[in-house]
Amino acid sequence: MIRIEELKKNYGKKIILNSVSYHFPVGERIALVGANGAGKSTLLNILCGLEELEAGKVLIPSSVRIGYLPQEPNHNPKSTVLEEAISGCLKLAKIQKELDEVLSKMETSYSEDVHKKYDRLETLWRESGGESLPSLAKSILVGLGFQTSEFEKNPKDLSGGWRMRLELTKVFLNDPDFLILDEPTNHLDLPSLIWVENYLQNFSGTLLFVSHDRDLLNKLSTITLHLTQGKLNFYKGNFDYFLNEREKRMELDTKSKERLQKRMAELERFVERFKAKASKAKQAQSRMKMLSKMRDLESEVDVETSPEEIVFHFRPPPQSGKEIINMKNLSIGYNPKKALAKNVNLKIFRGQKIAVIGANGIGKSTLLKTISGVVSPLEGEFEFGHNVMKGYFAQDQLDYFDEKKTLLENLLDISPMITERQARKTMGSFLFKGDDAFKKVGFLSGGEKSRLGLAALLLQDANFLILDEPTNHLDMSSCEMLAQALEEYEGSVFFVSHDRIFINEVCTHIFAMTPDGRSALFQGNLEDFSHLAEISGFPNILGK
């Protein structure tokens, strides 16, 4: 299988890979983890031949077929979604191309040799699974959320997220020996995410992947590689095993460093005391050499410093009435002739924390926008209960903030009763320090916008939080902090998320929406929903 030897890669003065070597074992599912900016995507790009090295080798046997998800979709796709998907099976695409050439040749200059070549290629095409390829492509497309009515659609008419799903279909169809995926579940809804997880669990080749989905990391990975400070550290186990073992190693390393520093201090005192005395000169010289070796050893002890993390909790909100909101026969969408969801009937009561689940495109975000007042309902109505104060976190924070204003100006606009000092103190909890307050929102990264959105929620003292994908762009520790804060939150929450651990840690109920327009409320978490859906006859949209 693939082997890397002494890889070196720098960006300016920053060392990304420092003489990294590793032999990727056959058949393992390998999670590549590390802090943001550690170089995970860089290493994947090097393996795919997309980035240059300063030094080192990537050794790939000629028989190994690599598959990877490109960073951008194909700029010149086939005329239909299905045709473009099928083109991803490169082996069969090559045979098909040769078949077409031979057929063309048979029409212009037929011969026995040409006919034999056609027969040989046709047999090879059939034995390689050519006849079953269209049905396999359709099953993968459906698993990734495509409707059968979209198979004949032009790929250029799809959004960027859906075109990347099409690229993922092509990668799966190519059935590589070594599959490289960088955040494969980005743009996926919960049902499609679970489908991809099941697919990858049954993948027979070697898988190397990067993900921020802790549940996916735990369920998929058999090996975890930790990239830190230019080094690659091996752990034989999944993500939680890696966290536990890494903590043990860090404790050992810290203790080792403390012992080394204590020992060096003793040696330095000894040398300082006796180096001027002739009787002790030889002994002092020996201690000096040992001190030098100790210092060299200390420089190899890699004690990581923990990165800054957001630290916050929601203040006790003003108490609302028992009923938070009552939705009656609600139809939502943007086109009166084609509602995304119809007849939504739901009552939310004080203290409930409800996760909305369902496939992309069925109206989850639109439902949240509707009750937040961003869009108007097509039909029906909703009514808030006594003293309900809502706070809304938009999936796209530019729907919520004025990108031409500063962070501070936006927070003061949203919460005019707070002081500048309160706003800046809250921003500090979300890692916006000093002059960050005067940055224009339009220049923020996705993660920074998410953190600003959470800061805005905190300042509003809302007792009903409406959250649309609040964990997008957050690292795992920030997701954990948010889940803990919401779990302790005394108000009510109505939220959309594709992060299963986050859903299960926060929710008290599941509100499931189906493509055929049905919806229903279930008590409990995702596992409870799967069981209750089966009992009640409601479609199990998670596919378990």
Protein backbone atom coordinates (compact mmCIF):
# COMPACT_ATOMS: atom_id res chain seq x y z
CA MET A 1 0.00 0.00 0.00
CA ILE A 2 1.01 3.69 0.00
CA ARG A 3 4.07 4.76 1.96
CA ILE A 4 5.40 8.25 2.75
CA GLU A 5 9.03 8.86 3.64
CA GLU A 6 10.56 11.93 5.32
CA LEU A 7 7.93 14.38 4.00
CA LYS A 8 8.78 18.04 4.53
CA LYS A 9 6.46 20.94 3.83
CA ASN A 10 6.63 24.56 4.98
CA TYR A 11 4.47 27.63 4.47
CA GLY A 12 6.93 30.48 4.95
CA LYS A 13 8.42 30.00 8.41
CA LYS A 14 5.65 27.69 9.54
CA ILE A 15 6.59 23.99 9.48
CA ILE A 16 3.63 21.87 8.34
CA LEU A 17 5.35 18.50 7.86
CA ASN A 18 8.66 17.80 9.57
CA SER A 19 10.23 14.60 8.19
CA VAL A 20 6.95 12.67 8.36
CA SER A 21 7.03 8.95 7.52
CA TYR A 22 4.21 6.39 7.59
CA HIS A 23 3.13 3.17 5.87
CA PHE A 24 -0.64 3.12 5.36
CA PRO A 25 -1.88 -0.40 6.18
CA VAL A 26 -4.25 -2.21 3.83
CA GLY A 27 -7.94 -2.32 4.70
CA GLU A 28 -7.87 0.10 7.64
CA ARG A 29 -10.11 3.15 8.10
CA ILE A 30 -7.74 5.91 9.16
CA ALA A 31 -8.87 9.20 10.70
CA LEU A 32 -6.43 12.10 10.31
CA VAL A 33 -6.97 14.55 13.17
CA GLY A 34 -5.30 17.70 14.43
CA ALA A 35 -5.91 21.34 15.24
CA ASN A 36 -7.12 23.74 12.56
CA GLY A 37 -4.10 24.80 10.54
CA ALA A 38 -2.05 21.75 11.53
CA GLY A 39 -1.78 20.66 7.89
CA LYS A 40 -4.35 17.85 7.54
CA SER A 41 -5.70 19.01 4.17
CA THR A 42 -2.15 19.73 3.01
CA LEU A 43 -1.12 16.13 3.69
CA LEU A 44 -4.18 14.81 1.83
CA ASN A 45 -3.43 17.09 -1.12
CA ILE A 46 0.17 15.85 -1.23
CA LEU A 47 -1.03 12.23 -1.32
CA CYS A 48 -3.38 13.15 -4.18
CA GLY A 49 -0.56 14.88 -6.08
CA LEU A 50 -2.15 18.32 -5.73
CA GLU A 51 0.64 19.98 -3.74
CA GLU A 52 4.42 20.02 -4.02
CA LEU A 53 6.86 18.87 -1.34
CA GLU A 54 10.05 20.50 -0.08
CA ALA A 55 11.54 17.05 0.45
CA GLY A 56 10.57 13.41 0.89
CA LYS A 57 8.78 10.76 -1.16
CA VAL A 58 5.25 9.46 -1.68
CA LEU A 59 5.50 5.86 -2.83
CA ILE A 60 2.37 4.55 -4.56
CA PRO A 61 2.37 1.09 -6.21
CA SER A 62 1.26 1.26 -9.84
CA SER A 63 -1.57 -1.19 -9.13
CA VAL A 64 -3.16 1.04 -6.47
CA ARG A 65 -6.15 3.09 -7.62
CA ILE A 66 -6.58 6.29 -5.56
CA GLY A 67 -9.94 7.99 -5.17
CA TYR A 68 -10.41 11.42 -3.68
CA LEU A 69 -13.11 14.06 -3.52
CA PRO A 70 -12.00 17.13 -5.49
CA GLN A 71 -12.26 20.58 -3.96
CA GLU A 72 -14.45 21.77 -6.82
CA PRO A 73 -17.00 19.98 -9.04
CA ASN A 74 -16.28 19.05 -12.64
CA HIS A 75 -16.48 22.22 -14.77
CA ASN A 76 -17.53 20.26 -17.87
CA PRO A 77 -19.97 17.59 -16.70
CA LYS A 78 -22.02 15.23 -18.85
CA SER A 79 -25.47 16.39 -19.91
CA THR A 80 -27.37 14.63 -17.11
CA VAL A 81 -26.80 13.84 -13.43
CA LEU A 82 -26.95 10.08 -14.10
CA GLU A 83 -24.48 10.22 -17.00
CA GLU A 84 -22.07 12.32 -14.94
CA ALA A 85 -22.35 9.88 -12.04
CA ILE A 86 -21.65 6.87 -14.28
CA SER A 87 -18.58 8.63 -15.73
CA GLY A 88 -17.01 8.35 -12.29
CA CYS A 89 -16.38 4.62 -12.80
CA LEU A 90 -13.09 5.23 -14.63
CA LYS A 91 -12.33 1.60 -15.39
CA LEU A 92 -15.67 1.05 -17.12
CA ALA A 93 -15.55 4.51 -18.70
CA LYS A 94 -12.26 3.54 -20.36
CA ILE A 95 -13.71 0.26 -21.63
CA GLN A 96 -16.82 2.08 -22.88
CA LYS A 97 -14.67 4.59 -24.75
CA GLU A 98 -12.74 1.79 -26.44
CA LEU A 99 -16.02 0.04 -27.30
CA ASP A 100 -17.34 3.21 -28.92
CA GLU A 101 -14.12 3.57 -30.94
CA VAL A 102 -14.28 -0.05 -32.12
CA LEU A 103 -17.95 0.29 -33.05
CA SER A 104 -17.13 3.35 -35.09
CA LYS A 105 -14.32 1.48 -36.76
CA MET A 106 -16.60 -1.47 -37.53
CA GLU A 107 -18.93 0.88 -39.40
CA THR A 108 -16.17 2.27 -41.61
CA SER A 109 -13.66 -0.60 -42.00
CA TYR A 110 -15.04 -3.89 -40.75
CA SER A 111 -12.64 -6.81 -40.28
CA GLU A 112 -12.52 -10.07 -38.32
CA ASP A 113 -9.83 -8.68 -36.01
CA VAL A 114 -11.93 -5.59 -35.22
CA HIS A 115 -14.95 -7.79 -34.50
CA LYS A 116 -12.88 -10.00 -32.14
CA LYS A 117 -11.64 -6.90 -30.34
CA TYR A 118 -15.23 -5.73 -29.93
CA ASP A 119 -16.27 -9.14 -28.51
CA ARG A 120 -13.33 -9.09 -26.09
CA LEU A 121 -14.13 -5.56 -24.87
CA GLU A 122 -17.84 -6.31 -24.60
CA THR A 123 -17.10 -9.38 -22.44
CA LEU A 124 -14.70 -7.36 -20.28
CA TRP A 125 -17.31 -4.60 -19.90
CA ARG A 126 -19.96 -7.11 -18.82
CA GLU A 127 -17.65 -9.00 -16.42
CA SER A 128 -16.57 -5.69 -14.85
CA GLY A 129 -20.16 -4.87 -13.92
CA GLY A 130 -21.12 -2.66 -16.85
CA GLU A 131 -24.69 -3.92 -17.02
CA SER A 132 -25.37 -3.19 -13.34
CA LEU A 133 -23.57 0.19 -13.31
CA PRO A 134 -26.65 2.38 -14.00
CA SER A 135 -28.65 0.77 -11.19
CA LEU A 136 -25.68 1.05 -8.80
CA ALA A 137 -25.25 4.72 -9.74
CA LYS A 138 -28.95 5.36 -9.08
CA SER A 139 -28.81 3.67 -5.66
CA ILE A 140 -25.82 5.81 -4.61
CA LEU A 141 -27.48 8.99 -5.90
CA VAL A 142 -30.64 8.20 -3.93
CA GLY A 143 -28.56 7.41 -0.83
CA LEU A 144 -26.95 10.84 -1.13
CA GLY A 145 -30.34 12.52 -1.28
CA PHE A 146 -31.07 12.88 -5.00
CA GLN A 147 -34.65 12.40 -6.18
CA THR A 148 -35.21 10.06 -9.14
CA SER A 149 -36.75 13.02 -10.98
CA GLU A 150 -33.33 14.73 -10.85
CA PHE A 151 -31.42 11.99 -12.70
CA GLU A 152 -32.05 13.67 -16.07
CA LYS A 153 -31.27 17.14 -14.75
CA ASN A 154 -28.23 19.04 -16.06
CA PRO A 155 -25.54 19.03 -13.32
CA LYS A 156 -24.86 22.71 -14.01
CA ASP A 157 -28.36 23.49 -12.71
CA LEU A 158 -27.48 22.07 -9.27
CA SER A 159 -26.24 24.14 -6.33
CA GLY A 160 -22.60 23.86 -5.27
CA GLY A 161 -23.46 21.53 -2.39
CA TRP A 162 -25.43 19.15 -4.61
CA ARG A 163 -22.69 19.13 -7.25
CA MET A 164 -20.24 18.03 -4.56
CA ARG A 165 -22.63 15.20 -3.68
CA LEU A 166 -22.50 14.20 -7.34
CA GLU A 167 -18.69 14.19 -7.16
CA LEU A 168 -18.92 11.94 -4.08
CA THR A 169 -21.14 9.57 -6.06
CA LYS A 170 -18.47 9.39 -8.77
CA VAL A 171 -15.76 8.64 -6.20
CA PHE A 172 -17.80 5.78 -4.70
CA LEU A 173 -18.61 4.34 -8.13
CA ASN A 174 -14.93 4.26 -9.06
CA ASP A 175 -14.39 1.77 -6.18
CA PRO A 176 -10.77 2.82 -5.43
CA ASP A 177 -8.22 0.80 -3.46
CA PHE A 178 -7.24 3.86 -1.40
CA LEU A 179 -9.97 6.42 -0.70
CA ILE A 180 -9.05 9.91 0.53
CA LEU A 181 -11.85 12.14 1.84
CA ASP A 182 -11.59 15.63 3.32
CA GLU A 183 -14.75 16.43 5.32
CA PRO A 184 -16.94 14.01 3.31
CA THR A 185 -20.12 14.86 5.24
CA ASN A 186 -20.07 18.59 4.52
CA HIS A 187 -23.29 19.60 2.71
CA LEU A 188 -25.03 16.37 3.79
CA ASP A 189 -28.32 16.20 5.66
CA LEU A 190 -28.74 13.70 8.49
CA PRO A 191 -30.25 10.81 6.43
CA SER A 192 -27.53 11.12 3.76
CA LEU A 193 -24.82 11.37 6.42
CA ILE A 194 -25.96 8.08 7.94
CA TRP A 195 -26.08 6.48 4.47
CA VAL A 196 -22.48 7.60 3.77
CA GLU A 197 -21.36 6.29 7.15
CA ASN A 198 -22.86 2.85 6.41
CA TYR A 199 -21.31 2.85 2.95
CA LEU A 200 -17.85 3.64 4.29
CA GLN A 201 -18.14 1.04 7.05
CA ASN A 202 -18.56 -1.57 4.31
CA PHE A 203 -15.81 -0.14 2.08
CA SER A 204 -13.28 -2.89 1.46
CA GLY A 205 -10.28 -0.71 0.59
CA THR A 206 -8.16 1.61 2.72
CA LEU A 207 -9.86 4.82 3.84
CA LEU A 208 -8.04 7.98 4.94
CA PHE A 209 -10.35 10.80 6.00
CA VAL A 210 -10.57 14.12 7.81
CA SER A 211 -13.76 15.05 9.63
CA HIS A 212 -15.04 17.24 12.47
CA ASP A 213 -17.97 14.86 13.03
CA ARG A 214 -17.08 13.11 16.28
CA ASP A 215 -19.71 10.40 15.80
CA LEU A 216 -18.36 9.61 12.33
CA LEU A 217 -14.79 9.54 13.67
CA ASN A 218 -15.77 7.06 16.37
CA LYS A 219 -17.87 4.76 14.21
CA LEU A 220 -15.53 4.64 11.22
CA SER A 221 -11.93 4.88 12.34
CA THR A 222 -9.84 1.84 13.21
CA ILE A 223 -6.65 3.95 13.34
CA THR A 224 -6.21 7.59 14.34
CA LEU A 225 -3.26 9.64 13.10
CA HIS A 226 -2.64 12.86 15.01
CA LEU A 227 -0.84 15.59 13.08
CA THR A 228 0.69 18.10 15.48
CA GLN A 229 3.65 20.44 15.21
CA GLY A 230 4.76 18.80 11.97
CA LYS A 231 4.75 15.26 13.40
CA LEU A 232 2.41 12.33 12.81
CA ASN A 233 1.52 10.28 15.90
CA PHE A 234 -0.09 6.83 15.61
CA TYR A 235 -2.98 5.51 17.76
CA LYS A 236 -4.55 2.08 17.16
CA GLY A 237 -8.18 2.92 17.84
CA ASN A 238 -11.00 5.35 17.17
CA PHE A 239 -11.29 9.01 18.12
CA ASP A 240 -12.33 8.57 21.75
CA TYR A 241 -9.51 6.07 22.26
CA PHE A 242 -7.12 8.63 20.76
CA LEU A 243 -8.35 11.34 23.15
CA ASN A 244 -7.82 9.11 26.19
CA GLU A 245 -4.41 7.86 25.10
CA ARG A 246 -3.25 11.33 24.04
CA GLU A 247 -4.16 12.66 27.49
CA LYS A 248 -2.09 9.90 29.09
CA ARG A 249 0.87 10.65 26.82
CA MET A 250 0.64 14.38 27.51
CA GLU A 251 0.58 13.71 31.27
CA LEU A 252 3.65 11.52 30.92
CA ASP A 253 5.40 14.07 28.74
CA THR A 254 4.60 16.90 31.15
CA LYS A 255 5.92 14.90 34.10
CA SER A 256 9.01 13.96 32.10
CA LYS A 257 9.66 17.57 31.27
CA GLU A 258 9.18 18.64 34.88
CA ARG A 259 11.62 15.95 36.03
CA LEU A 260 14.11 16.99 33.37
CA GLN A 261 13.89 20.64 34.37
CA LYS A 262 14.38 19.75 38.04
CA ARG A 263 17.37 17.56 37.19
CA MET A 264 18.92 20.28 35.01
CA ALA A 265 18.50 22.87 37.75
CA GLU A 266 20.37 20.55 40.12
CA LEU A 267 23.13 20.01 37.55
CA GLU A 268 23.46 23.72 36.88
CA ARG A 269 23.79 24.44 40.58
CA PHE A 270 26.42 21.68 40.85
CA VAL A 271 28.41 23.04 37.89
CA GLU A 272 28.21 26.64 39.12
CA ARG A 273 29.40 25.54 42.56
CA PHE A 274 32.30 23.30 41.60
CA LYS A 275 33.54 24.27 38.14
CA ALA A 276 36.16 26.67 39.58
CA LYS A 277 37.59 24.00 41.90
CA ALA A 278 40.37 21.92 40.42
CA SER A 279 39.37 18.83 42.39
CA LYS A 280 35.90 18.96 40.95
CA ALA A 281 36.74 20.21 37.45
CA LYS A 282 36.58 16.79 35.77
CA GLN A 283 33.30 15.93 37.50
CA ALA A 284 31.86 19.33 36.59
CA GLN A 285 32.86 18.79 32.95
CA SER A 286 31.04 15.47 32.94
CA ARG A 287 27.94 17.11 34.41
CA MET A 288 28.12 19.83 31.74
CA LYS A 289 28.03 17.18 29.01
CA MET A 290 25.09 15.46 30.71
CA LEU A 291 23.32 18.82 30.99
CA SER A 292 23.76 19.36 27.25
CA LYS A 293 22.25 15.94 26.51
CA MET A 294 19.35 16.66 28.88
CA ARG A 295 18.61 19.91 27.10
CA ASP A 296 18.61 18.09 23.77
CA LEU A 297 16.22 15.50 25.19
CA GLU A 298 13.93 18.20 26.60
CA SER A 299 13.60 19.81 23.19
CA GLU A 300 12.24 16.49 21.89
CA VAL A 301 9.55 16.28 24.58
CA ASP A 302 6.52 17.65 22.77
CA VAL A 303 4.17 19.19 25.32
CA GLU A 304 1.21 20.76 23.55
CA THR A 305 -0.45 23.86 24.83
CA SER A 306 -4.22 23.79 24.67
CA PRO A 307 -5.68 26.24 22.13
CA GLU A 308 -8.06 28.92 23.36
CA GLU A 309 -11.67 27.75 23.60
CA ILE A 310 -14.94 29.62 23.82
CA VAL A 311 -16.23 29.68 27.39
CA PHE A 312 -19.81 30.72 28.10
CA HIS A 313 -23.19 29.77 29.51
CA PHE A 314 -26.66 31.21 29.02
CA ARG A 315 -27.95 33.37 31.83
CA PRO A 316 -31.31 32.35 33.33
CA PRO A 317 -33.87 33.85 30.90
CA PRO A 318 -37.15 35.58 31.84
CA GLN A 319 -39.84 32.95 32.40
CA SER A 320 -42.38 32.46 29.65
CA GLY A 321 -45.84 30.97 29.80
CA LYS A 322 -46.26 27.20 29.59
CA GLU A 323 -46.96 27.27 25.83
CA ILE A 324 -44.13 28.71 23.73
CA ILE A 325 -45.62 28.55 20.23
CA ASN A 326 -48.62 26.99 18.51
CA MET A 327 -48.32 26.25 14.78
CA LYS A 328 -51.64 25.57 13.07
CA ASN A 329 -51.92 24.10 9.55
CA LEU A 330 -48.75 25.91 8.57
CA SER A 331 -47.64 25.80 4.92
CA ILE A 332 -44.16 27.15 4.28
CA GLY A 333 -42.02 27.98 1.27
CA TYR A 334 -41.37 30.69 -1.29
CA ASN A 335 -43.78 29.72 -4.06
CA PRO A 336 -47.51 29.56 -3.25
CA LYS A 337 -47.94 26.93 -5.96
CA LYS A 338 -45.22 24.68 -4.54
CA ALA A 339 -45.00 24.67 -0.74
CA LEU A 340 -41.97 22.97 0.83
CA ALA A 341 -44.10 21.61 3.69
CA LYS A 342 -47.84 21.68 4.36
CA ASN A 343 -50.13 21.27 7.36
CA VAL A 344 -47.42 21.64 9.99
CA ASN A 345 -49.11 21.40 13.37
CA LEU A 346 -46.88 21.65 16.40
CA LYS A 347 -47.08 22.98 19.94
CA ILE A 348 -43.83 23.68 21.78
CA PHE A 349 -43.94 23.92 25.58
CA ARG A 350 -41.62 25.58 28.06
CA GLY A 351 -38.40 23.61 28.63
CA GLN A 352 -38.65 21.46 25.50
CA LYS A 353 -35.59 21.26 23.26
CA ILE A 354 -36.70 19.98 19.88
CA ALA A 355 -34.40 18.88 17.04
CA VAL A 356 -35.89 19.15 13.54
CA ILE A 357 -34.68 16.35 11.25
CA GLY A 358 -35.30 15.43 7.63
CA ALA A 359 -33.72 15.49 4.18
CA ASN A 360 -32.37 18.65 2.58
CA GLY A 361 -34.90 20.68 0.64
CA ILE A 362 -38.02 19.74 2.61
CA GLY A 363 -38.26 23.01 4.51
CA LYS A 364 -36.43 22.63 7.86
CA SER A 365 -34.56 25.94 7.60
CA THR A 366 -37.61 27.60 6.03
CA LEU A 367 -39.73 26.52 9.00
CA LEU A 368 -37.24 28.17 11.36
CA LYS A 369 -37.13 31.32 9.21
CA THR A 370 -40.93 31.42 9.17
CA ILE A 371 -41.44 31.32 12.94
CA SER A 372 -38.51 33.77 13.32
CA GLY A 373 -40.33 36.26 11.08
CA VAL A 374 -37.73 36.21 8.28
CA VAL A 375 -40.24 34.83 5.74
CA SER A 376 -44.03 34.80 5.76
CA PRO A 377 -46.10 31.60 5.91
CA LEU A 378 -47.91 30.59 2.72
CA GLU A 379 -50.93 29.37 4.67
CA GLY A 380 -51.93 28.77 8.27
CA GLU A 381 -50.67 30.61 11.29
CA PHE A 382 -48.50 30.46 14.38
CA GLU A 383 -48.88 32.21 17.70
CA PHE A 384 -46.36 32.78 20.49
CA GLY A 385 -47.32 32.25 24.11
CA HIS A 386 -47.12 34.68 27.03
CA ASN A 387 -43.82 36.55 27.48
CA VAL A 388 -41.97 34.54 24.83
CA MET A 389 -38.75 36.26 23.78
CA LYS A 390 -37.16 34.60 20.77
CA GLY A 391 -33.53 34.55 19.66
CA TYR A 392 -32.62 33.39 16.14
CA PHE A 393 -29.35 31.91 14.89
CA ALA A 394 -29.32 31.84 11.07
CA GLN A 395 -27.44 29.21 9.06
CA ASP A 396 -26.01 32.06 6.99
CA GLN A 397 -25.08 34.75 9.48
CA LEU A 398 -25.12 37.41 6.75
CA ASP A 399 -28.93 36.95 6.82
CA TYR A 400 -28.70 38.21 10.38
CA PHE A 401 -25.82 40.69 10.53
CA ASP A 402 -25.01 43.81 8.52
CA GLU A 403 -21.71 42.91 6.83
CA LYS A 404 -20.81 46.59 6.35
CA LYS A 405 -20.89 47.25 10.10
CA THR A 406 -18.39 46.23 12.76
CA LEU A 407 -18.84 43.36 15.18
CA LEU A 408 -19.51 45.82 18.00
CA GLU A 409 -22.02 47.85 15.99
CA ASN A 410 -23.95 44.70 15.05
CA LEU A 411 -24.18 43.50 18.66
CA LEU A 412 -25.32 46.91 19.88
CA ASP A 413 -27.95 47.05 17.11
CA ILE A 414 -29.29 43.61 18.06
CA SER A 415 -29.24 44.30 21.82
CA PRO A 416 -29.61 48.08 22.24
CA MET A 417 -30.08 47.80 26.02
CA ILE A 418 -26.54 46.55 26.65
CA THR A 419 -23.47 48.71 27.13
CA GLU A 420 -20.38 48.66 24.95
CA ARG A 421 -18.45 47.18 27.86
CA GLN A 422 -20.95 44.28 28.17
CA ALA A 423 -20.76 43.65 24.43
CA ARG A 424 -16.96 43.60 24.41
CA LYS A 425 -16.82 41.34 27.47
CA THR A 426 -19.14 38.87 25.75
CA MET A 427 -17.09 39.06 22.54
CA GLY A 428 -14.02 38.19 24.60
CA SER A 429 -15.72 34.95 25.70
CA PHE A 430 -15.98 34.06 22.02
CA LEU A 431 -12.30 34.84 21.31
CA PHE A 432 -12.81 38.33 19.84
CA LYS A 433 -10.16 40.37 21.62
CA GLY A 434 -9.10 44.03 21.50
CA ASP A 435 -9.47 45.62 18.07
CA ASP A 436 -11.40 42.61 16.77
CA ALA A 437 -14.50 44.53 17.91
CA PHE A 438 -13.94 47.01 15.08
CA LYS A 439 -13.63 44.48 12.26
CA LYS A 440 -16.32 44.59 9.58
CA VAL A 441 -18.52 41.47 9.69
CA GLY A 442 -18.11 40.97 5.93
CA PHE A 443 -14.43 40.12 6.47
CA LEU A 444 -15.03 37.36 9.03
CA SER A 445 -14.50 33.66 8.32
CA GLY A 446 -17.37 31.18 8.62
CA GLY A 447 -16.22 30.12 12.07
CA GLU A 448 -15.91 33.71 13.27
CA LYS A 449 -19.43 34.51 12.04
CA SER A 450 -20.77 31.50 13.92
CA ARG A 451 -19.05 32.63 17.12
CA LEU A 452 -20.43 36.15 16.65
CA GLY A 453 -23.91 34.68 16.20
CA LEU A 454 -23.59 32.83 19.49
CA ALA A 455 -22.40 36.01 21.20
CA ALA A 456 -25.50 37.80 19.87
CA LEU A 457 -27.74 35.05 21.27
CA LEU A 458 -26.12 35.36 24.67
CA LEU A 459 -26.75 39.10 24.83
CA GLN A 460 -30.47 38.88 23.99
CA ASP A 461 -31.63 37.03 27.13
CA ALA A 462 -34.11 35.08 24.98
CA ASN A 463 -36.22 32.31 26.48
CA PHE A 464 -36.89 30.63 23.11
CA LEU A 465 -33.86 29.90 20.92
CA ILE A 466 -34.35 29.11 17.22
CA LEU A 467 -31.07 27.68 15.92
CA ASP A 468 -30.30 26.71 12.31
CA GLU A 469 -27.15 24.55 12.12
CA PRO A 470 -25.40 26.31 15.03
CA THR A 471 -22.42 23.91 14.95
CA ASN A 472 -21.44 24.69 11.34
CA HIS A 473 -17.85 26.00 11.21
CA LEU A 474 -17.25 25.28 14.92
CA ASP A 475 -14.47 22.97 16.05
CA MET A 476 -15.32 19.94 18.21
CA SER A 477 -14.47 21.56 21.54
CA SER A 478 -16.68 24.55 20.71
CA CYS A 479 -19.52 22.19 19.72
CA GLU A 480 -19.14 20.46 23.08
CA MET A 481 -19.23 23.80 24.89
CA LEU A 482 -22.37 24.85 23.01
CA ALA A 483 -24.09 21.51 23.67
CA GLN A 484 -23.32 21.77 27.39
CA ALA A 485 -24.58 25.36 27.53
CA LEU A 486 -27.84 24.44 25.77
CA GLU A 487 -28.30 21.36 27.93
CA GLU A 488 -28.13 23.60 31.02
CA TYR A 489 -30.20 26.38 29.39
CA GLU A 490 -33.48 26.96 31.24
CA GLY A 491 -35.44 28.14 28.20
CA SER A 492 -36.81 26.30 25.14
CA VAL A 493 -34.92 25.41 21.97
CA PHE A 494 -36.06 24.58 18.42
CA PHE A 495 -33.08 23.66 16.26
CA VAL A 496 -31.78 22.05 13.08
CA SER A 497 -28.47 20.17 13.09
CA HIS A 498 -26.79 17.30 11.27
CA ASP A 499 -24.41 16.64 14.19
CA ARG A 500 -25.77 13.49 15.85
CA ILE A 501 -23.81 13.80 19.09
CA PHE A 502 -24.93 17.42 19.40
CA ILE A 503 -28.58 16.46 18.76
CA ASN A 504 -28.53 13.63 21.28
CA GLU A 505 -26.84 15.76 23.96
CA VAL A 506 -29.29 18.66 23.62
CA CYS A 507 -32.72 17.43 22.51
CA THR A 508 -35.67 16.26 24.56
CA HIS A 509 -37.80 15.66 21.43
CA ILE A 510 -37.41 14.99 17.70
CA PHE A 511 -39.63 16.70 15.13
CA ALA A 512 -39.35 14.62 11.95
CA MET A 513 -40.29 15.93 8.48
CA THR A 514 -40.65 13.65 5.44
CA PRO A 515 -40.35 14.38 1.69
CA ASP A 516 -44.07 13.57 1.22
CA GLY A 517 -45.05 16.41 3.54
CA ARG A 518 -45.73 14.51 6.77
CA SER A 519 -44.36 15.61 10.14
CA ALA A 520 -44.61 14.34 13.70
CA LEU A 521 -43.14 14.94 17.16
CA PHE A 522 -41.39 12.15 19.08
CA GLN A 523 -40.10 12.23 22.65
CA GLY A 524 -36.44 11.37 23.18
CA ASN A 525 -33.32 11.41 21.02
CA LEU A 526 -32.40 9.95 17.62
CA GLU A 527 -32.26 6.35 18.89
CA ASP A 528 -35.68 6.76 20.51
CA PHE A 529 -37.05 8.19 17.27
CA SER A 530 -35.92 5.17 15.24
CA HIS A 531 -37.66 2.84 17.69
CA LEU A 532 -40.85 4.93 18.03
CA ALA A 533 -41.13 5.51 14.27
CA GLU A 534 -41.09 1.76 13.70
CA ILE A 535 -43.81 1.22 16.30
CA SER A 536 -46.03 4.03 15.03
CA GLY A 537 -45.61 3.33 11.32
CA PHE A 538 -44.01 6.73 10.69
CA PRO A 539 -41.27 6.59 8.00
CA ASN A 540 -37.84 6.06 9.57
CA ILE A 541 -36.03 8.76 7.64
CA LEU A 542 -32.72 7.80 9.26
CA GLY A 543 -32.75 4.49 7.38
CA LYS A 544 -31.86 2.30 10.36
